[in-house]
Amino acid sequence: MAGMKNLPTKLHSAAEVRELDRRAIEEEQIPGYTLMQRAGEAAFAVLSDAWDSASRLVIVCGAGNNAGDGYVLARIASSRGLAVTVLALVAPARLTGDAARAYADFEAAGGVAVDWDPALLKDADVVADAILGTGLDRELEGQFRAAVSAINQSRLPVIALDIPSGLHADTGAVMGSAVRAEHTITFVGLKLGCYVGAGPDHVGTLHFAGLGVPECVHAQVSAQAERLCREQFADLLVSRRRSAHKGNHGRVLIVGGGPGMAGAVRLAGEAALRSGAGLVTIATHPDHCSAIVAGRPELICRAVTGAADLGPLLQSADIVAVGPGLGQGDWARSVFEAVAKSGARLVIDADGLNLLAAGPRRGGQWILTPHPGEAGRLLGKETATVQQDRIASARELVKKFGGVTVLKGAGSIVTDESGVVRICDRGNPGMATAGMGDVLTGVIAALAAKADDLSRAAALGVLAHAAAGDRVAAQSGERGMMAGDLMEPLREWLNRRG
C-alpha cells in the first residue's frame, strides 16, 4: 500500500481514535469543530495535490461527523474556485452537533446540498466519499449501499475521508460493499482497517492528518498494533566486527525438499545466505543434493534418508527451518517429528504447518509462518473466516500453538504471547507467486539465528522481504516477478545505512 512519508507507527482501533478525539476536546480544549475544519483543509490539500487539474468535485455526504468533514471540504473547495456538487444521503436537517454546524457554514457561504441522485456523479472529475466514518458495525443497506455501488461503478477517481465507507475500521472487512478509493486521508490516528483484511484494496494511497492533536494525548492512549519500520530494528542491523568469522553469524539448518521439491529448500537456503547467515545447511531427500549444490555451491547439502540422519545436524544449528517442499508422505512425517521433538528453535512453514495441523501441539521457541489457507487448517476454519479478522486469527494461532505467528498476506501480521501486534504495510501483488514464502522462511531463519527475540527477528524478516519485493517492483514492475529476484535487493536492504 502506497503512502506518504512520516506516517505514525501506531495503528488504532475505532474506539481508540474516539478516545483520542475525546481527550483532545475535553482535556486539551480543542473544539470538535476546529478538528473538523482542520480535517476539511487537510482533505482539500490532498485532493488538490493529487488532481491539480480537477475543476468539478462531487461530494457524497452521509451522516455524523464524516458528513461534517464533507461539508467543510465542500465549503473550502467552493471558495478555492471548484464547481462543487454535494449529494446528501441524509437530509441536512437531521444532522446534529458539529456536523450540523459544518452544513450551516456551507449553506451560509452559498452552498446547496441536493438529494442523492447517482446520475449527478457524471458531472464529477473527482468524487469525495464522506458517507460513513469509523463507527460502522453492520452491513450497509438501502441507499447507503446503493451509493457505494454507484461510486464504484462510476470508475471516477475517489478520495475517501477518514476511511472508505463500508470498510470496517478495526478488521478491514467489507461490510456488504465498500468504496474503492484512489486516495484516503485518515484523521487523528491511523485506523487498523486500512492495513488489514480488504483495507489495502480499498484505501489506495493513504495519507494522514493529525489535526494538531498533541503528542501528550497520543501518549495516554494505547494502540492495538504498530507498523513495521526499519528504525525499530537498528540493534539487529549493526555493522559486523572486523574480526568476525562465519560462526559468529548464525548456523541455519533448513529441512525440506521431499521427492521432486528441491527448488523450495534451494530458495530458502539462498535467502538465508543473502540475509546474513554465516553457514546454511540443507537437509533434504537424497535425490536432490547434487542439483542443489550445483546451483548454489555455497550451500552445504546433506542427504537425509530418515529421522536418524538429522541428529548431528540439529545439534549444531542455531535455528532450524522446516517445511519448504517437505511434502506430507512417510519421509516428511518422520523428519518433521524428529525436528519438532528436538527442542531446537524453529521456523515452521509450508508442509511443516500442514503436518502440525494434523498433530497439533504447543511450542515456545518457534515461529509459524502460515498463509491464510494454512492458518485455516491450523485453526480448523475456512480461509475466508481467517481473513475476516486477521488480527484475531493471528492471536488465536498464538493461543493454540504458542511461540510467534507470522500470518502472511497483504498486511502481514506478526504477533506473540506478549500480545504485541506488528503489521507490515510494504509488499505488493507481484509477490503473490511460487517460492516467495520459501524466501521469507530463509530470511527469517537467518535473522533469528543470532537474535534472542524471535518475534522481533520474524518482524524484521517480514519487513526486509516485503521491502525487497517493492524494490523489484519499482525497478521492473510487478508482473513476472519471481522469488529469486529478491535475493540481491534483500542483501542491499539489510546492508543499507541510514
Foldseek 3Di string as FASTA:
>chain_A
DAADPPAFFFAAAPVLLVLLVVCCCPVVVDPPLLLLLLLLVVLVVVVCVVCVPWQEEEEEAAADSLNLSRLSVQQVSVVVRHHYAYEYQDPLVPYDDSSVVSNVVSVVSPDDYDHDDLVVVVRGQEYEYSHDAQPDDAADDDPVQVVQVSQQVVPHAYEYEQAWPQQHQAFLFRRNGTHAHLAYEHEQHHTNNCFAFCNVRRHRYYHYDNSPSDVVSVVVGHGLATEDDPVVCDVLLDDDDPPDALVQQFEEEEEAEEPPQLVLLLLLQLLLVLLGHSAYEYEYAPVHPVVSCVVPVRYHYDHDPFQVVCVVVQVPGLEYEYAGNHDDDPRSLRNLVSVVPVPHQYEYEHVNLVVCLVPPDADARYEYEYELCSLCSNVVHDSVVCRSGVLVSLVVSCVRHFYWYFHDDRFTWIDHPVSHIYTYNAADPLCPDPNLVSSLSSNLSSSSRNDPRSRVSSSVSVNLSRVLRVVCCVVPRSPPDDNVSSSVSSSCVSNDDD
